[in-house]
Amino acid sequence: MLLANLFEDRNVIFCTEKGNYITSSQLIAYVKKISDQMKGQPFNVHDLRHTYVTRLFEYGEDPKKVQALVGHSSIKTTMDIYTHITDEEKRKSVSSLDMLHSEIG
């Protein structure tokens, strides 16, 4: 609230307290600090991009829209490299198959 009058909204995800752009080294250091504080597997800035794409697909977003959002020239890049199947999604698929089997049998 103290900086509300000084904040300039530049429509970016990562910025300074006043809304200014940050350098790539600042972003890397910030994400590393968060990663180090969290328990579990370490992650980096680029991992966040993969997570973003994966989550969009989990929520049913159209592949061409996702491709446009992340700026890939090829849908193949988006689908083959950036999309990951989470354990939860695997469980949902198995559960769906179990439900289908119980309806048939």
N, C-alpha and C. Protein backbone atom coordinates (compact mmCIF):
# COMPACT_ATOMS: atom_id res chain seq x y z
N MET A 1 0.83 -1.20 0.00
CA MET A 1 0.00 0.00 0.00
C MET A 1 0.87 1.26 0.00
N LEU A 2 2.03 1.18 0.67
CA LEU A 2 2.89 2.36 0.71
C LEU A 2 3.39 2.74 -0.68
N LEU A 3 3.54 1.76 -1.55
CA LEU A 3 4.05 2.02 -2.89
C LEU A 3 2.95 2.14 -3.94
N ALA A 4 1.70 2.10 -3.53
CA ALA A 4 0.58 2.08 -4.47
C ALA A 4 0.65 3.24 -5.46
N ASN A 5 0.97 4.42 -5.00
CA ASN A 5 1.05 5.58 -5.89
C ASN A 5 2.29 5.56 -6.77
N LEU A 6 3.29 4.77 -6.38
CA LEU A 6 4.54 4.71 -7.13
C LEU A 6 4.59 3.52 -8.09
N PHE A 7 3.65 2.59 -7.95
CA PHE A 7 3.66 1.37 -8.75
C PHE A 7 3.15 1.64 -10.16
N GLU A 8 3.92 1.19 -11.15
CA GLU A 8 3.52 1.32 -12.55
C GLU A 8 3.25 -0.08 -13.08
N ASP A 9 2.01 -0.35 -13.45
CA ASP A 9 1.64 -1.67 -13.94
C ASP A 9 2.08 -1.82 -15.40
N ARG A 10 3.08 -2.67 -15.60
CA ARG A 10 3.62 -2.91 -16.95
C ARG A 10 3.13 -4.25 -17.50
N ASN A 11 2.20 -4.88 -16.77
CA ASN A 11 1.63 -6.15 -17.20
C ASN A 11 2.69 -7.24 -17.36
N VAL A 12 3.58 -7.32 -16.38
CA VAL A 12 4.61 -8.36 -16.38
C VAL A 12 4.44 -9.23 -15.14
N ILE A 13 4.95 -10.44 -15.21
CA ILE A 13 4.81 -11.36 -14.09
C ILE A 13 5.80 -11.04 -12.98
N PHE A 14 7.05 -10.80 -13.36
CA PHE A 14 8.09 -10.52 -12.38
C PHE A 14 8.54 -9.07 -12.55
N CYS A 15 8.51 -8.33 -11.45
CA CYS A 15 8.90 -6.92 -11.51
C CYS A 15 9.41 -6.48 -10.14
N THR A 16 9.93 -5.26 -10.08
CA THR A 16 10.35 -4.69 -8.81
C THR A 16 9.12 -4.24 -8.03
N GLU A 17 9.35 -3.77 -6.83
CA GLU A 17 8.24 -3.31 -5.99
C GLU A 17 7.50 -2.12 -6.61
N LYS A 18 8.15 -1.41 -7.52
CA LYS A 18 7.53 -0.27 -8.18
C LYS A 18 7.00 -0.63 -9.56
N GLY A 19 7.10 -1.91 -9.94
CA GLY A 19 6.58 -2.35 -11.23
C GLY A 19 7.56 -2.27 -12.37
N ASN A 20 8.80 -1.91 -12.07
CA ASN A 20 9.81 -1.82 -13.12
C ASN A 20 10.30 -3.21 -13.53
N TYR A 21 10.86 -3.27 -14.72
CA TYR A 21 11.41 -4.53 -15.21
C TYR A 21 12.61 -4.95 -14.37
N ILE A 22 12.81 -6.25 -14.27
CA ILE A 22 14.00 -6.76 -13.58
C ILE A 22 14.89 -7.42 -14.62
N THR A 23 16.15 -7.55 -14.26
CA THR A 23 17.11 -8.19 -15.17
C THR A 23 16.96 -9.71 -15.06
N SER A 24 17.46 -10.40 -16.05
CA SER A 24 17.39 -11.86 -16.02
C SER A 24 18.18 -12.41 -14.83
N SER A 25 19.29 -11.78 -14.48
CA SER A 25 20.05 -12.27 -13.33
C SER A 25 19.29 -12.07 -12.03
N GLN A 26 18.51 -10.98 -11.92
CA GLN A 26 17.67 -10.77 -10.73
C GLN A 26 16.59 -11.85 -10.65
N LEU A 27 15.98 -12.15 -11.79
CA LEU A 27 14.94 -13.18 -11.82
C LEU A 27 15.51 -14.54 -11.43
N ILE A 28 16.64 -14.90 -11.99
CA ILE A 28 17.27 -16.18 -11.68
C ILE A 28 17.59 -16.27 -10.19
N ALA A 29 18.13 -15.20 -9.63
CA ALA A 29 18.47 -15.19 -8.20
C ALA A 29 17.21 -15.31 -7.34
N TYR A 30 16.15 -14.62 -7.74
CA TYR A 30 14.90 -14.66 -6.99
C TYR A 30 14.29 -16.07 -7.00
N VAL A 31 14.23 -16.68 -8.16
CA VAL A 31 13.66 -18.02 -8.26
C VAL A 31 14.54 -19.03 -7.53
N LYS A 32 15.86 -18.87 -7.61
CA LYS A 32 16.76 -19.78 -6.88
C LYS A 32 16.53 -19.67 -5.38
N LYS A 33 16.34 -18.45 -4.89
CA LYS A 33 16.08 -18.24 -3.46
C LYS A 33 14.80 -18.97 -3.03
N ILE A 34 13.75 -18.85 -3.84
CA ILE A 34 12.49 -19.54 -3.53
C ILE A 34 12.69 -21.05 -3.58
N SER A 35 13.37 -21.52 -4.61
CA SER A 35 13.62 -22.96 -4.77
C SER A 35 14.39 -23.51 -3.58
N ASP A 36 15.40 -22.78 -3.13
CA ASP A 36 16.21 -23.22 -1.99
C ASP A 36 15.39 -23.28 -0.71
N GLN A 37 14.40 -22.41 -0.58
CA GLN A 37 13.57 -22.37 0.63
C GLN A 37 12.52 -23.47 0.66
N MET A 38 12.19 -23.99 -0.51
CA MET A 38 11.14 -25.01 -0.60
C MET A 38 11.73 -26.40 -0.42
N LYS A 39 10.92 -27.27 0.11
CA LYS A 39 11.33 -28.67 0.22
C LYS A 39 10.96 -29.37 -1.07
N GLY A 40 11.75 -30.32 -1.47
CA GLY A 40 11.46 -31.04 -2.70
C GLY A 40 12.52 -30.82 -3.75
N GLN A 41 12.16 -31.13 -4.97
CA GLN A 41 13.10 -31.05 -6.07
C GLN A 41 13.38 -29.59 -6.44
N PRO A 42 14.65 -29.22 -6.59
CA PRO A 42 14.97 -27.85 -6.99
C PRO A 42 14.40 -27.54 -8.37
N PHE A 43 14.12 -26.27 -8.63
CA PHE A 43 13.61 -25.85 -9.93
C PHE A 43 14.25 -24.55 -10.33
N ASN A 44 14.13 -24.23 -11.61
CA ASN A 44 14.68 -22.97 -12.11
C ASN A 44 13.60 -22.21 -12.88
N VAL A 45 13.97 -21.08 -13.43
CA VAL A 45 13.01 -20.22 -14.13
C VAL A 45 12.34 -20.96 -15.29
N HIS A 46 13.13 -21.67 -16.06
CA HIS A 46 12.57 -22.35 -17.23
C HIS A 46 11.59 -23.45 -16.83
N ASP A 47 11.80 -24.08 -15.69
CA ASP A 47 10.86 -25.09 -15.21
C ASP A 47 9.47 -24.48 -15.00
N LEU A 48 9.41 -23.22 -14.61
CA LEU A 48 8.12 -22.55 -14.42
C LEU A 48 7.35 -22.47 -15.74
N ARG A 49 8.07 -22.29 -16.83
CA ARG A 49 7.45 -22.24 -18.17
C ARG A 49 6.82 -23.59 -18.52
N HIS A 50 7.54 -24.67 -18.24
CA HIS A 50 7.00 -26.01 -18.49
C HIS A 50 5.75 -26.25 -17.64
N THR A 51 5.81 -25.84 -16.38
CA THR A 51 4.67 -26.01 -15.49
C THR A 51 3.46 -25.22 -16.00
N TYR A 52 3.68 -24.02 -16.44
CA TYR A 52 2.61 -23.18 -16.99
C TYR A 52 1.91 -23.89 -18.15
N VAL A 53 2.69 -24.40 -19.09
CA VAL A 53 2.12 -25.09 -20.25
C VAL A 53 1.36 -26.34 -19.81
N THR A 54 1.96 -27.13 -18.95
CA THR A 54 1.33 -28.36 -18.48
C THR A 54 0.00 -28.06 -17.80
N ARG A 55 -0.02 -27.06 -16.94
CA ARG A 55 -1.25 -26.72 -16.22
C ARG A 55 -2.34 -26.21 -17.17
N LEU A 56 -1.96 -25.44 -18.18
CA LEU A 56 -2.96 -24.98 -19.15
C LEU A 56 -3.63 -26.17 -19.82
N PHE A 57 -2.85 -27.18 -20.19
CA PHE A 57 -3.43 -28.37 -20.81
C PHE A 57 -4.29 -29.15 -19.83
N GLU A 58 -3.86 -29.23 -18.58
CA GLU A 58 -4.67 -29.93 -17.57
C GLU A 58 -6.04 -29.28 -17.41
N TYR A 59 -6.10 -27.97 -17.58
CA TYR A 59 -7.37 -27.26 -17.45
C TYR A 59 -8.13 -27.18 -18.76
N GLY A 60 -7.65 -27.91 -19.78
CA GLY A 60 -8.40 -28.04 -21.02
C GLY A 60 -8.20 -26.94 -22.04
N GLU A 61 -7.14 -26.18 -21.91
CA GLU A 61 -6.91 -25.09 -22.86
C GLU A 61 -6.56 -25.65 -24.25
N ASP A 62 -6.96 -24.95 -25.26
CA ASP A 62 -6.72 -25.34 -26.64
C ASP A 62 -5.21 -25.30 -26.96
N PRO A 63 -4.66 -26.36 -27.56
CA PRO A 63 -3.22 -26.40 -27.86
C PRO A 63 -2.71 -25.21 -28.70
N LYS A 64 -3.48 -24.76 -29.68
CA LYS A 64 -3.03 -23.63 -30.49
C LYS A 64 -2.95 -22.34 -29.68
N LYS A 65 -3.86 -22.18 -28.72
CA LYS A 65 -3.81 -21.01 -27.86
C LYS A 65 -2.58 -21.06 -26.97
N VAL A 66 -2.30 -22.24 -26.44
CA VAL A 66 -1.11 -22.40 -25.58
C VAL A 66 0.15 -22.10 -26.39
N GLN A 67 0.21 -22.63 -27.60
CA GLN A 67 1.35 -22.38 -28.47
C GLN A 67 1.55 -20.87 -28.66
N ALA A 68 0.47 -20.15 -28.90
CA ALA A 68 0.55 -18.71 -29.10
C ALA A 68 1.00 -17.99 -27.82
N LEU A 69 0.47 -18.43 -26.68
CA LEU A 69 0.83 -17.80 -25.41
C LEU A 69 2.32 -17.91 -25.09
N VAL A 70 2.91 -19.05 -25.41
CA VAL A 70 4.33 -19.24 -25.09
C VAL A 70 5.25 -18.88 -26.25
N GLY A 71 4.66 -18.54 -27.40
CA GLY A 71 5.46 -18.04 -28.50
C GLY A 71 6.22 -19.07 -29.31
N HIS A 72 5.74 -20.31 -29.32
CA HIS A 72 6.41 -21.33 -30.12
C HIS A 72 5.97 -21.22 -31.57
N SER A 73 6.91 -21.40 -32.49
CA SER A 73 6.56 -21.37 -33.92
C SER A 73 5.94 -22.69 -34.36
N SER A 74 6.16 -23.75 -33.58
CA SER A 74 5.65 -25.07 -33.94
C SER A 74 4.85 -25.67 -32.78
N ILE A 75 3.67 -26.19 -33.09
CA ILE A 75 2.87 -26.87 -32.08
C ILE A 75 3.59 -28.11 -31.57
N LYS A 76 4.45 -28.68 -32.39
CA LYS A 76 5.22 -29.87 -32.00
C LYS A 76 6.12 -29.55 -30.79
N THR A 77 6.73 -28.39 -30.78
CA THR A 77 7.55 -27.98 -29.64
C THR A 77 6.70 -27.91 -28.38
N THR A 78 5.56 -27.28 -28.50
CA THR A 78 4.67 -27.12 -27.34
C THR A 78 4.23 -28.48 -26.82
N MET A 79 3.82 -29.35 -27.70
CA MET A 79 3.27 -30.64 -27.29
C MET A 79 4.34 -31.64 -26.84
N ASP A 80 5.44 -31.70 -27.57
CA ASP A 80 6.44 -32.74 -27.31
C ASP A 80 7.44 -32.37 -26.22
N ILE A 81 7.73 -31.11 -26.05
CA ILE A 81 8.77 -30.71 -25.11
C ILE A 81 8.20 -30.08 -23.84
N TYR A 82 7.15 -29.24 -23.98
CA TYR A 82 6.67 -28.48 -22.84
C TYR A 82 5.50 -29.10 -22.10
N THR A 83 4.86 -30.09 -22.69
CA THR A 83 3.71 -30.71 -22.04
C THR A 83 4.17 -31.95 -21.28
N HIS A 84 3.80 -32.02 -20.03
CA HIS A 84 4.16 -33.16 -19.19
C HIS A 84 2.89 -33.73 -18.56
N ILE A 85 2.86 -35.02 -18.37
CA ILE A 85 1.72 -35.67 -17.74
C ILE A 85 2.06 -35.87 -16.26
N THR A 86 1.28 -35.28 -15.39
CA THR A 86 1.52 -35.40 -13.96
C THR A 86 0.98 -36.72 -13.44
N ASP A 87 1.45 -37.11 -12.27
CA ASP A 87 0.94 -38.34 -11.64
C ASP A 87 -0.56 -38.26 -11.41
N GLU A 88 -1.05 -37.08 -11.06
CA GLU A 88 -2.49 -36.90 -10.83
C GLU A 88 -3.27 -37.15 -12.11
N GLU A 89 -2.76 -36.67 -13.24
CA GLU A 89 -3.43 -36.90 -14.52
C GLU A 89 -3.42 -38.38 -14.88
N LYS A 90 -2.34 -39.07 -14.57
CA LYS A 90 -2.28 -40.52 -14.81
C LYS A 90 -3.33 -41.24 -13.97
N ARG A 91 -3.47 -40.83 -12.70
CA ARG A 91 -4.47 -41.44 -11.82
C ARG A 91 -5.88 -41.22 -12.36
N LYS A 92 -6.15 -40.01 -12.86
CA LYS A 92 -7.46 -39.72 -13.42
C LYS A 92 -7.76 -40.63 -14.61
N SER A 93 -6.77 -40.84 -15.45
CA SER A 93 -6.95 -41.70 -16.63
C SER A 93 -7.24 -43.14 -16.22
N VAL A 94 -6.49 -43.63 -15.24
CA VAL A 94 -6.71 -45.00 -14.77
C VAL A 94 -8.09 -45.11 -14.13
N SER A 95 -8.48 -44.10 -13.37
CA SER A 95 -9.79 -44.09 -12.73
C SER A 95 -10.89 -44.10 -13.78
N SER A 96 -10.73 -43.34 -14.86
CA SER A 96 -11.72 -43.33 -15.93
C SER A 96 -11.85 -44.70 -16.56
N LEU A 97 -10.74 -45.36 -16.76
CA LEU A 97 -10.76 -46.70 -17.33
C LEU A 97 -11.44 -47.68 -16.38
N ASP A 98 -11.17 -47.54 -15.08
CA ASP A 98 -11.82 -48.39 -14.09
C ASP A 98 -13.34 -48.18 -14.11
N MET A 99 -13.77 -46.93 -14.22
CA MET A 99 -15.20 -46.65 -14.26
C MET A 99 -15.84 -47.24 -15.51
N LEU A 100 -15.16 -47.15 -16.64
CA LEU A 100 -15.67 -47.72 -17.89
C LEU A 100 -15.79 -49.23 -17.77
N HIS A 101 -14.79 -49.85 -17.17
CA HIS A 101 -14.80 -51.31 -16.98
C HIS A 101 -15.96 -51.74 -16.09
N SER A 102 -16.21 -50.97 -15.03
CA SER A 102 -17.30 -51.34 -14.12
C SER A 102 -18.68 -51.15 -14.78
N GLU A 103 -18.80 -50.19 -15.70
CA GLU A 103 -20.07 -49.99 -16.41
C GLU A 103 -20.33 -51.12 -17.40
N ILE A 104 -19.27 -51.62 -18.00
CA ILE A 104 -19.40 -52.72 -18.98
C ILE A 104 -19.65 -54.04 -18.27
N GLY A 105 -18.90 -54.26 -17.21
CA GLY A 105 -18.95 -55.54 -16.51
C GLY A 105 -20.02 -55.57 -15.52
